[in-house]
mmCIF file of all heavy atoms, coordinates in Angstrom:
data_MODEL
# 
_entry.id   MODEL 
# 
loop_
_atom_site.group_PDB 
_atom_site.id 
_atom_site.type_symbol 
_atom_site.label_atom_id 
_atom_site.label_alt_id 
_atom_site.label_comp_id 
_atom_site.label_asym_id 
_atom_site.label_entity_id 
_atom_site.label_seq_id 
_atom_site.pdbx_PDB_ins_code 
_atom_site.Cartn_x 
_atom_site.Cartn_y 
_atom_site.Cartn_z 
_atom_site.occupancy 
_atom_site.B_iso_or_equiv 
_atom_site.pdbx_formal_charge 
_atom_site.auth_seq_id 
_atom_site.auth_comp_id 
_atom_site.auth_asym_id 
_atom_site.auth_atom_id 
_atom_site.pdbx_PDB_model_num 
ATOM 1   N N   . SER A 1 1  ? -11.306 -1.311 -4.936 1.00 0.00 ? 1  SER A N   1 
ATOM 2   C CA  . SER A 1 1  ? -12.478 -0.749 -5.504 1.00 0.00 ? 1  SER A CA  1 
ATOM 3   C C   . SER A 1 1  ? -12.069 0.407  -6.527 1.00 0.00 ? 1  SER A C   1 
ATOM 4   O O   . SER A 1 1  ? -12.981 0.860  -7.191 1.00 0.00 ? 1  SER A O   1 
ATOM 5   C CB  . SER A 1 1  ? -13.477 -0.259 -4.431 1.00 0.00 ? 1  SER A CB  1 
ATOM 6   O OG  . SER A 1 1  ? -12.922 0.897  -3.872 1.00 0.00 ? 1  SER A OG  1 
ATOM 7   N N   . GLY A 1 2  ? -10.778 0.763  -6.485 1.00 0.00 ? 2  GLY A N   1 
ATOM 8   C CA  . GLY A 1 2  ? -10.368 1.883  -7.291 1.00 0.00 ? 2  GLY A CA  1 
ATOM 9   C C   . GLY A 1 2  ? -10.641 3.217  -6.654 1.00 0.00 ? 2  GLY A C   1 
ATOM 10  O O   . GLY A 1 2  ? -10.524 4.349  -7.370 1.00 0.00 ? 2  GLY A O   1 
ATOM 11  N N   . LEU A 1 3  ? -10.964 3.287  -5.361 1.00 0.00 ? 3  LEU A N   1 
ATOM 12  C CA  . LEU A 1 3  ? -11.281 4.491  -4.678 1.00 0.00 ? 3  LEU A CA  1 
ATOM 13  C C   . LEU A 1 3  ? -10.117 5.336  -4.394 1.00 0.00 ? 3  LEU A C   1 
ATOM 14  O O   . LEU A 1 3  ? -10.205 6.576  -4.459 1.00 0.00 ? 3  LEU A O   1 
ATOM 15  C CB  . LEU A 1 3  ? -12.010 4.115  -3.402 1.00 0.00 ? 3  LEU A CB  1 
ATOM 16  C CG  . LEU A 1 3  ? -12.445 5.294  -2.431 1.00 0.00 ? 3  LEU A CG  1 
ATOM 17  C CD1 . LEU A 1 3  ? -13.432 6.174  -3.087 1.00 0.00 ? 3  LEU A CD1 1 
ATOM 18  C CD2 . LEU A 1 3  ? -12.959 4.720  -1.144 1.00 0.00 ? 3  LEU A CD2 1 
ATOM 19  N N   . PHE A 1 4  ? -8.961  4.756  -4.107 1.00 0.00 ? 4  PHE A N   1 
ATOM 20  C CA  . PHE A 1 4  ? -7.937  5.489  -3.612 1.00 0.00 ? 4  PHE A CA  1 
ATOM 21  C C   . PHE A 1 4  ? -6.765  5.930  -4.488 1.00 0.00 ? 4  PHE A C   1 
ATOM 22  O O   . PHE A 1 4  ? -6.563  5.175  -5.606 1.00 0.00 ? 4  PHE A O   1 
ATOM 23  C CB  . PHE A 1 4  ? -7.133  4.700  -2.431 1.00 0.00 ? 4  PHE A CB  1 
ATOM 24  C CG  . PHE A 1 4  ? -8.102  4.521  -1.233 1.00 0.00 ? 4  PHE A CG  1 
ATOM 25  C CD1 . PHE A 1 4  ? -8.659  3.244  -0.920 1.00 0.00 ? 4  PHE A CD1 1 
ATOM 26  C CD2 . PHE A 1 4  ? -8.458  5.542  -0.343 1.00 0.00 ? 4  PHE A CD2 1 
ATOM 27  C CE1 . PHE A 1 4  ? -9.530  3.085  0.122  1.00 0.00 ? 4  PHE A CE1 1 
ATOM 28  C CE2 . PHE A 1 4  ? -9.246  5.340  0.717  1.00 0.00 ? 4  PHE A CE2 1 
ATOM 29  C CZ  . PHE A 1 4  ? -9.819  4.154  0.928  1.00 0.00 ? 4  PHE A CZ  1 
ATOM 30  N N   . TRP A 1 5  ? -6.023  7.007  -4.289 1.00 0.00 ? 5  TRP A N   1 
ATOM 31  C CA  . TRP A 1 5  ? -5.072  7.642  -5.167 1.00 0.00 ? 5  TRP A CA  1 
ATOM 32  C C   . TRP A 1 5  ? -3.750  6.805  -4.964 1.00 0.00 ? 5  TRP A C   1 
ATOM 33  O O   . TRP A 1 5  ? -3.572  6.034  -4.141 1.00 0.00 ? 5  TRP A O   1 
ATOM 34  C CB  . TRP A 1 5  ? -4.898  9.123  -4.806 1.00 0.00 ? 5  TRP A CB  1 
ATOM 35  C CG  . TRP A 1 5  ? -3.976  9.901  -5.471 1.00 0.00 ? 5  TRP A CG  1 
ATOM 36  C CD1 . TRP A 1 5  ? -2.883  10.681 -4.979 1.00 0.00 ? 5  TRP A CD1 1 
ATOM 37  C CD2 . TRP A 1 5  ? -3.893  10.006 -6.934 1.00 0.00 ? 5  TRP A CD2 1 
ATOM 38  N NE1 . TRP A 1 5  ? -2.293  11.376 -6.012 1.00 0.00 ? 5  TRP A NE1 1 
ATOM 39  C CE2 . TRP A 1 5  ? -2.801  11.006 -7.224 1.00 0.00 ? 5  TRP A CE2 1 
ATOM 40  C CE3 . TRP A 1 5  ? -4.586  9.610  -7.935 1.00 0.00 ? 5  TRP A CE3 1 
ATOM 41  C CZ2 . TRP A 1 5  ? -2.552  11.449 -8.374 1.00 0.00 ? 5  TRP A CZ2 1 
ATOM 42  C CZ3 . TRP A 1 5  ? -4.489  10.086 -9.249 1.00 0.00 ? 5  TRP A CZ3 1 
ATOM 43  C CH2 . TRP A 1 5  ? -3.337  10.990 -9.523 1.00 0.00 ? 5  TRP A CH2 1 
ATOM 44  N N   . THR A 1 6  ? -2.927  7.093  -5.926 1.00 0.00 ? 6  THR A N   1 
ATOM 45  C CA  . THR A 1 6  ? -1.694  6.298  -6.151 1.00 0.00 ? 6  THR A CA  1 
ATOM 46  C C   . THR A 1 6  ? -0.888  5.945  -4.946 1.00 0.00 ? 6  THR A C   1 
ATOM 47  O O   . THR A 1 6  ? -0.580  4.804  -4.644 1.00 0.00 ? 6  THR A O   1 
ATOM 48  C CB  . THR A 1 6  ? -0.747  6.899  -7.303 1.00 0.00 ? 6  THR A CB  1 
ATOM 49  O OG1 . THR A 1 6  ? -1.669  7.053  -8.402 1.00 0.00 ? 6  THR A OG1 1 
ATOM 50  C CG2 . THR A 1 6  ? 0.390   6.048  -7.626 1.00 0.00 ? 6  THR A CG2 1 
ATOM 51  N N   . PRO A 1 7  ? -0.426  6.996  -4.240 1.00 0.00 ? 7  PRO A N   1 
ATOM 52  C CA  . PRO A 1 7  ? 0.494   6.715  -3.059 1.00 0.00 ? 7  PRO A CA  1 
ATOM 53  C C   . PRO A 1 7  ? -0.185  5.880  -1.876 1.00 0.00 ? 7  PRO A C   1 
ATOM 54  O O   . PRO A 1 7  ? 0.471   4.958  -1.310 1.00 0.00 ? 7  PRO A O   1 
ATOM 55  C CB  . PRO A 1 7  ? 0.707   8.060  -2.493 1.00 0.00 ? 7  PRO A CB  1 
ATOM 56  C CG  . PRO A 1 7  ? -0.195  9.029  -2.999 1.00 0.00 ? 7  PRO A CG  1 
ATOM 57  C CD  . PRO A 1 7  ? -0.627  8.460  -4.396 1.00 0.00 ? 7  PRO A CD  1 
ATOM 58  N N   . VAL A 1 8  ? -1.521  5.957  -1.812 1.00 0.00 ? 8  VAL A N   1 
ATOM 59  C CA  . VAL A 1 8  ? -2.267  5.045  -0.798 1.00 0.00 ? 8  VAL A CA  1 
ATOM 60  C C   . VAL A 1 8  ? -2.117  3.670  -1.342 1.00 0.00 ? 8  VAL A C   1 
ATOM 61  O O   . VAL A 1 8  ? -1.940  2.660  -0.657 1.00 0.00 ? 8  VAL A O   1 
ATOM 62  C CB  . VAL A 1 8  ? -3.635  5.615  -0.636 1.00 0.00 ? 8  VAL A CB  1 
ATOM 63  C CG1 . VAL A 1 8  ? -4.520  4.596  0.112  1.00 0.00 ? 8  VAL A CG1 1 
ATOM 64  C CG2 . VAL A 1 8  ? -3.666  6.883  -0.105 1.00 0.00 ? 8  VAL A CG2 1 
ATOM 65  N N   . MET A 1 9  ? -2.463  3.475  -2.623 1.00 0.00 ? 9  MET A N   1 
ATOM 66  C CA  . MET A 1 9  ? -2.411  2.109  -3.223 1.00 0.00 ? 9  MET A CA  1 
ATOM 67  C C   . MET A 1 9  ? -0.969  1.536  -3.202 1.00 0.00 ? 9  MET A C   1 
ATOM 68  O O   . MET A 1 9  ? -0.709  0.371  -2.962 1.00 0.00 ? 9  MET A O   1 
ATOM 69  C CB  . MET A 1 9  ? -2.810  2.040  -4.660 1.00 0.00 ? 9  MET A CB  1 
ATOM 70  C CG  . MET A 1 9  ? -4.465  2.371  -4.686 1.00 0.00 ? 9  MET A CG  1 
ATOM 71  S SD  . MET A 1 9  ? -5.294  1.230  -3.635 1.00 0.00 ? 9  MET A SD  1 
ATOM 72  C CE  . MET A 1 9  ? -4.894  -0.419 -4.295 1.00 0.00 ? 9  MET A CE  1 
ATOM 73  N N   . ASN A 1 10 ? 0.017   2.400  -3.441 1.00 0.00 ? 10 ASN A N   1 
ATOM 74  C CA  . ASN A 1 10 ? 1.493   1.953  -3.214 1.00 0.00 ? 10 ASN A CA  1 
ATOM 75  C C   . ASN A 1 10 ? 1.692   1.347  -1.957 1.00 0.00 ? 10 ASN A C   1 
ATOM 76  O O   . ASN A 1 10 ? 2.334   0.310  -1.638 1.00 0.00 ? 10 ASN A O   1 
ATOM 77  C CB  . ASN A 1 10 ? 2.447   3.039  -3.548 1.00 0.00 ? 10 ASN A CB  1 
ATOM 78  C CG  . ASN A 1 10 ? 2.461   3.436  -5.006 1.00 0.00 ? 10 ASN A CG  1 
ATOM 79  O OD1 . ASN A 1 10 ? 2.063   2.809  -5.796 1.00 0.00 ? 10 ASN A OD1 1 
ATOM 80  N ND2 . ASN A 1 10 ? 3.005   4.718  -5.301 1.00 0.00 ? 10 ASN A ND2 1 
ATOM 81  N N   . THR A 1 11 ? 1.147   2.083  -0.871 1.00 0.00 ? 11 THR A N   1 
ATOM 82  C CA  . THR A 1 11 ? 1.402   1.493  0.424  1.00 0.00 ? 11 THR A CA  1 
ATOM 83  C C   . THR A 1 11 ? 0.509   0.348  0.697  1.00 0.00 ? 11 THR A C   1 
ATOM 84  O O   . THR A 1 11 ? 1.079   -0.683 1.293  1.00 0.00 ? 11 THR A O   1 
ATOM 85  C CB  . THR A 1 11 ? 0.991   2.664  1.547  1.00 0.00 ? 11 THR A CB  1 
ATOM 86  O OG1 . THR A 1 11 ? 1.989   3.679  1.698  1.00 0.00 ? 11 THR A OG1 1 
ATOM 87  C CG2 . THR A 1 11 ? 0.711   2.136  2.939  1.00 0.00 ? 11 THR A CG2 1 
ATOM 88  N N   . TYR A 1 12 ? -0.521  0.260  0.134  1.00 0.00 ? 12 TYR A N   1 
ATOM 89  C CA  . TYR A 1 12 ? -1.433  -0.927 0.336  1.00 0.00 ? 12 TYR A CA  1 
ATOM 90  C C   . TYR A 1 12 ? -0.761  -2.172 -0.296 1.00 0.00 ? 12 TYR A C   1 
ATOM 91  O O   . TYR A 1 12 ? -0.666  -3.263 0.458  1.00 0.00 ? 12 TYR A O   1 
ATOM 92  C CB  . TYR A 1 12 ? -2.812  -0.799 -0.307 1.00 0.00 ? 12 TYR A CB  1 
ATOM 93  C CG  . TYR A 1 12 ? -3.606  -2.009 -0.288 1.00 0.00 ? 12 TYR A CG  1 
ATOM 94  C CD1 . TYR A 1 12 ? -4.260  -2.599 0.828  1.00 0.00 ? 12 TYR A CD1 1 
ATOM 95  C CD2 . TYR A 1 12 ? -3.709  -2.843 -1.506 1.00 0.00 ? 12 TYR A CD2 1 
ATOM 96  C CE1 . TYR A 1 12 ? -4.869  -3.768 0.903  1.00 0.00 ? 12 TYR A CE1 1 
ATOM 97  C CE2 . TYR A 1 12 ? -4.409  -4.069 -1.459 1.00 0.00 ? 12 TYR A CE2 1 
ATOM 98  C CZ  . TYR A 1 12 ? -5.089  -4.459 -0.275 1.00 0.00 ? 12 TYR A CZ  1 
ATOM 99  O OH  . TYR A 1 12 ? -5.810  -5.585 -0.234 1.00 0.00 ? 12 TYR A OH  1 
ATOM 100 N N   . TRP A 1 13 ? -0.218  -2.176 -1.389 1.00 0.00 ? 13 TRP A N   1 
ATOM 101 C CA  . TRP A 1 13 ? 0.418   -3.189 -1.915 1.00 0.00 ? 13 TRP A CA  1 
ATOM 102 C C   . TRP A 1 13 ? 1.704   -3.623 -1.209 1.00 0.00 ? 13 TRP A C   1 
ATOM 103 O O   . TRP A 1 13 ? 2.085   -4.656 -1.066 1.00 0.00 ? 13 TRP A O   1 
ATOM 104 C CB  . TRP A 1 13 ? 0.785   -2.993 -3.514 1.00 0.00 ? 13 TRP A CB  1 
ATOM 105 C CG  . TRP A 1 13 ? -0.598  -2.918 -4.290 1.00 0.00 ? 13 TRP A CG  1 
ATOM 106 C CD1 . TRP A 1 13 ? -1.014  -1.969 -4.930 1.00 0.00 ? 13 TRP A CD1 1 
ATOM 107 C CD2 . TRP A 1 13 ? -1.470  -4.128 -4.356 1.00 0.00 ? 13 TRP A CD2 1 
ATOM 108 N NE1 . TRP A 1 13 ? -2.258  -2.353 -5.578 1.00 0.00 ? 13 TRP A NE1 1 
ATOM 109 C CE2 . TRP A 1 13 ? -2.546  -3.583 -5.120 1.00 0.00 ? 13 TRP A CE2 1 
ATOM 110 C CE3 . TRP A 1 13 ? -1.470  -5.342 -3.961 1.00 0.00 ? 13 TRP A CE3 1 
ATOM 111 C CZ2 . TRP A 1 13 ? -3.540  -4.416 -5.567 1.00 0.00 ? 13 TRP A CZ2 1 
ATOM 112 C CZ3 . TRP A 1 13 ? -2.525  -6.224 -4.212 1.00 0.00 ? 13 TRP A CZ3 1 
ATOM 113 C CH2 . TRP A 1 13 ? -3.548  -5.764 -5.107 1.00 0.00 ? 13 TRP A CH2 1 
ATOM 114 N N   . LYS A 1 14 ? 2.413   -2.583 -0.648 1.00 0.00 ? 14 LYS A N   1 
ATOM 115 C CA  . LYS A 1 14 ? 3.705   -2.869 0.161  1.00 0.00 ? 14 LYS A CA  1 
ATOM 116 C C   . LYS A 1 14 ? 3.254   -3.647 1.330  1.00 0.00 ? 14 LYS A C   1 
ATOM 117 O O   . LYS A 1 14 ? 3.981   -4.458 1.812  1.00 0.00 ? 14 LYS A O   1 
ATOM 118 C CB  . LYS A 1 14 ? 4.386   -1.507 0.458  1.00 0.00 ? 14 LYS A CB  1 
ATOM 119 C CG  . LYS A 1 14 ? 5.017   -0.850 -0.595 1.00 0.00 ? 14 LYS A CG  1 
ATOM 120 C CD  . LYS A 1 14 ? 5.488   0.530  -0.090 1.00 0.00 ? 14 LYS A CD  1 
ATOM 121 C CE  . LYS A 1 14 ? 6.203   1.385  -1.231 1.00 0.00 ? 14 LYS A CE  1 
ATOM 122 N NZ  . LYS A 1 14 ? 6.672   2.602  -0.791 1.00 0.00 ? 14 LYS A NZ  1 
ATOM 123 N N   . LEU A 1 15 ? 2.127   -3.258 2.025  1.00 0.00 ? 15 LEU A N   1 
ATOM 124 C CA  . LEU A 1 15 ? 1.638   -4.027 3.114  1.00 0.00 ? 15 LEU A CA  1 
ATOM 125 C C   . LEU A 1 15 ? 1.110   -5.355 2.876  1.00 0.00 ? 15 LEU A C   1 
ATOM 126 O O   . LEU A 1 15 ? 1.493   -6.341 3.621  1.00 0.00 ? 15 LEU A O   1 
ATOM 127 C CB  . LEU A 1 15 ? 0.637   -3.123 3.907  1.00 0.00 ? 15 LEU A CB  1 
ATOM 128 C CG  . LEU A 1 15 ? 0.907   -1.669 4.364  1.00 0.00 ? 15 LEU A CG  1 
ATOM 129 C CD1 . LEU A 1 15 ? -0.388  -1.042 4.878  1.00 0.00 ? 15 LEU A CD1 1 
ATOM 130 C CD2 . LEU A 1 15 ? 1.864   -1.867 5.561  1.00 0.00 ? 15 LEU A CD2 1 
ATOM 131 N N   . SER A 1 16 ? 0.228   -5.452 1.867  1.00 0.00 ? 16 SER A N   1 
ATOM 132 C CA  . SER A 1 16 ? -0.442  -6.624 1.619  1.00 0.00 ? 16 SER A CA  1 
ATOM 133 C C   . SER A 1 16 ? 0.317   -7.804 0.878  1.00 0.00 ? 16 SER A C   1 
ATOM 134 O O   . SER A 1 16 ? 0.163   -8.887 0.913  1.00 0.00 ? 16 SER A O   1 
ATOM 135 C CB  . SER A 1 16 ? -1.751  -6.324 0.929  1.00 0.00 ? 16 SER A CB  1 
ATOM 136 O OG  . SER A 1 16 ? -1.502  -5.777 -0.394 1.00 0.00 ? 16 SER A OG  1 
ATOM 137 N N   . ALA A 1 17 ? 1.274   -7.272 -0.063 1.00 0.00 ? 17 ALA A N   1 
ATOM 138 C CA  . ALA A 1 17 ? 1.966   -8.211 -0.879 1.00 0.00 ? 17 ALA A CA  1 
ATOM 139 C C   . ALA A 1 17 ? 3.498   -8.323 -0.716 1.00 0.00 ? 17 ALA A C   1 
ATOM 140 O O   . ALA A 1 17 ? 4.140   -9.346 -1.105 1.00 0.00 ? 17 ALA A O   1 
ATOM 141 C CB  . ALA A 1 17 ? 1.746   -7.700 -2.498 1.00 0.00 ? 17 ALA A CB  1 
ATOM 142 N N   . GLU A 1 18 ? 4.014   -7.333 -0.058 1.00 0.00 ? 18 GLU A N   1 
ATOM 143 C CA  . GLU A 1 18 ? 5.485   -7.379 0.057  1.00 0.00 ? 18 GLU A CA  1 
ATOM 144 C C   . GLU A 1 18 ? 5.936   -7.408 1.652  1.00 0.00 ? 18 GLU A C   1 
ATOM 145 O O   . GLU A 1 18 ? 7.141   -7.749 1.810  1.00 0.00 ? 18 GLU A O   1 
ATOM 146 C CB  . GLU A 1 18 ? 6.146   -5.981 -0.456 1.00 0.00 ? 18 GLU A CB  1 
ATOM 147 C CG  . GLU A 1 18 ? 5.866   -5.850 -1.963 1.00 0.00 ? 18 GLU A CG  1 
ATOM 148 C CD  . GLU A 1 18 ? 6.307   -4.494 -2.589 1.00 0.00 ? 18 GLU A CD  1 
ATOM 149 O OE1 . GLU A 1 18 ? 7.314   -4.013 -1.908 1.00 0.00 ? 18 GLU A OE1 1 
ATOM 150 O OE2 . GLU A 1 18 ? 5.704   -4.086 -3.609 1.00 0.00 ? 18 GLU A OE2 1 
ATOM 151 N N   . GLY A 1 19 ? 5.055   -7.315 2.505  1.00 0.00 ? 19 GLY A N   1 
ATOM 152 C CA  . GLY A 1 19 ? 5.473   -7.399 3.808  1.00 0.00 ? 19 GLY A CA  1 
ATOM 153 C C   . GLY A 1 19 ? 6.309   -6.306 4.371  1.00 0.00 ? 19 GLY A C   1 
ATOM 154 O O   . GLY A 1 19 ? 6.997   -6.525 5.307  1.00 0.00 ? 19 GLY A O   1 
ATOM 155 N N   . ILE A 1 20 ? 6.193   -5.089 3.819  1.00 0.00 ? 20 ILE A N   1 
ATOM 156 C CA  . ILE A 1 20 ? 6.953   -4.002 4.257  1.00 0.00 ? 20 ILE A CA  1 
ATOM 157 C C   . ILE A 1 20 ? 6.436   -3.508 5.613  1.00 0.00 ? 20 ILE A C   1 
ATOM 158 O O   . ILE A 1 20 ? 5.155   -3.528 5.869  1.00 0.00 ? 20 ILE A O   1 
ATOM 159 C CB  . ILE A 1 20 ? 6.932   -2.756 3.282  1.00 0.00 ? 20 ILE A CB  1 
ATOM 160 C CG1 . ILE A 1 20 ? 7.385   -3.235 1.864  1.00 0.00 ? 20 ILE A CG1 1 
ATOM 161 C CG2 . ILE A 1 20 ? 7.549   -1.569 3.792  1.00 0.00 ? 20 ILE A CG2 1 
ATOM 162 C CD1 . ILE A 1 20 ? 8.847   -3.571 1.906  1.00 0.00 ? 20 ILE A CD1 1 
ATOM 163 N N   . ALA A 1 21 ? 7.406   -3.065 6.558  1.00 0.00 ? 21 ALA A N   1 
ATOM 164 C CA  . ALA A 1 21 ? 6.933   -2.601 7.817  1.00 0.00 ? 21 ALA A CA  1 
ATOM 165 C C   . ALA A 1 21 ? 6.176   -1.301 7.727  1.00 0.00 ? 21 ALA A C   1 
ATOM 166 O O   . ALA A 1 21 ? 6.564   -0.551 6.814  1.00 0.00 ? 21 ALA A O   1 
ATOM 167 C CB  . ALA A 1 21 ? 8.120   -2.285 8.618  1.00 0.00 ? 21 ALA A CB  1 
ATOM 168 N N   . PRO A 1 22 ? 5.097   -1.126 8.468  1.00 0.00 ? 22 PRO A N   1 
ATOM 169 C CA  . PRO A 1 22 ? 4.205   -0.091 8.203  1.00 0.00 ? 22 PRO A CA  1 
ATOM 170 C C   . PRO A 1 22 ? 4.927   1.356  8.236  1.00 0.00 ? 22 PRO A C   1 
ATOM 171 O O   . PRO A 1 22 ? 4.722   2.294  7.651  1.00 0.00 ? 22 PRO A O   1 
ATOM 172 C CB  . PRO A 1 22 ? 3.065   -0.082 9.268  1.00 0.00 ? 22 PRO A CB  1 
ATOM 173 C CG  . PRO A 1 22 ? 3.051   -1.573 9.315  1.00 0.00 ? 22 PRO A CG  1 
ATOM 174 C CD  . PRO A 1 22 ? 4.382   -2.115 9.272  1.00 0.00 ? 22 PRO A CD  1 
ATOM 175 N N   . ARG A 1 23 ? 5.999   1.314  9.258  1.00 0.00 ? 23 ARG A N   1 
ATOM 176 C CA  . ARG A 1 23 ? 6.537   2.730  9.435  1.00 0.00 ? 23 ARG A CA  1 
ATOM 177 C C   . ARG A 1 23 ? 7.575   3.011  8.319  1.00 0.00 ? 23 ARG A C   1 
ATOM 178 O O   . ARG A 1 23 ? 8.153   4.112  8.295  1.00 0.00 ? 23 ARG A O   1 
ATOM 179 C CB  . ARG A 1 23 ? 7.652   2.570  10.747 1.00 0.00 ? 23 ARG A CB  1 
ATOM 180 C CG  . ARG A 1 23 ? 6.643   2.730  12.081 1.00 0.00 ? 23 ARG A CG  1 
ATOM 181 C CD  . ARG A 1 23 ? 7.511   2.521  13.283 1.00 0.00 ? 23 ARG A CD  1 
ATOM 182 N NE  . ARG A 1 23 ? 6.609   2.592  14.376 1.00 0.00 ? 23 ARG A NE  1 
ATOM 183 C CZ  . ARG A 1 23 ? 7.088   2.484  15.679 1.00 0.00 ? 23 ARG A CZ  1 
ATOM 184 N NH1 . ARG A 1 23 ? 8.210   2.204  15.856 1.00 0.00 ? 23 ARG A NH1 1 
ATOM 185 N NH2 . ARG A 1 23 ? 6.306   2.533  16.747 1.00 0.00 ? 23 ARG A NH2 1 
ATOM 186 N N   . GLU A 1 24 ? 7.864   2.013  7.457  1.00 0.00 ? 24 GLU A N   1 
ATOM 187 C CA  . GLU A 1 24 ? 8.679   2.220  6.261  1.00 0.00 ? 24 GLU A CA  1 
ATOM 188 C C   . GLU A 1 24 ? 7.980   2.323  4.949  1.00 0.00 ? 24 GLU A C   1 
ATOM 189 O O   . GLU A 1 24 ? 8.542   2.547  3.827  1.00 0.00 ? 24 GLU A O   1 
ATOM 190 C CB  . GLU A 1 24 ? 9.758   1.167  6.206  1.00 0.00 ? 24 GLU A CB  1 
ATOM 191 C CG  . GLU A 1 24 ? 10.716  1.013  7.392  1.00 0.00 ? 24 GLU A CG  1 
ATOM 192 C CD  . GLU A 1 24 ? 11.503  -0.164 7.272  1.00 0.00 ? 24 GLU A CD  1 
ATOM 193 O OE1 . GLU A 1 24 ? 11.611  -0.905 6.323  1.00 0.00 ? 24 GLU A OE1 1 
ATOM 194 O OE2 . GLU A 1 24 ? 12.336  -0.329 8.289  1.00 0.00 ? 24 GLU A OE2 1 
# 
C-alpha cells in the first residue's frame, strides 16, 4: 500500500521474494 518506510520494505521483499531467513 505504500505505507511503510524503506528498511521495512527491504525486509518484506527479502522475505516474500528472496526467501531470506527472518533472523538475517
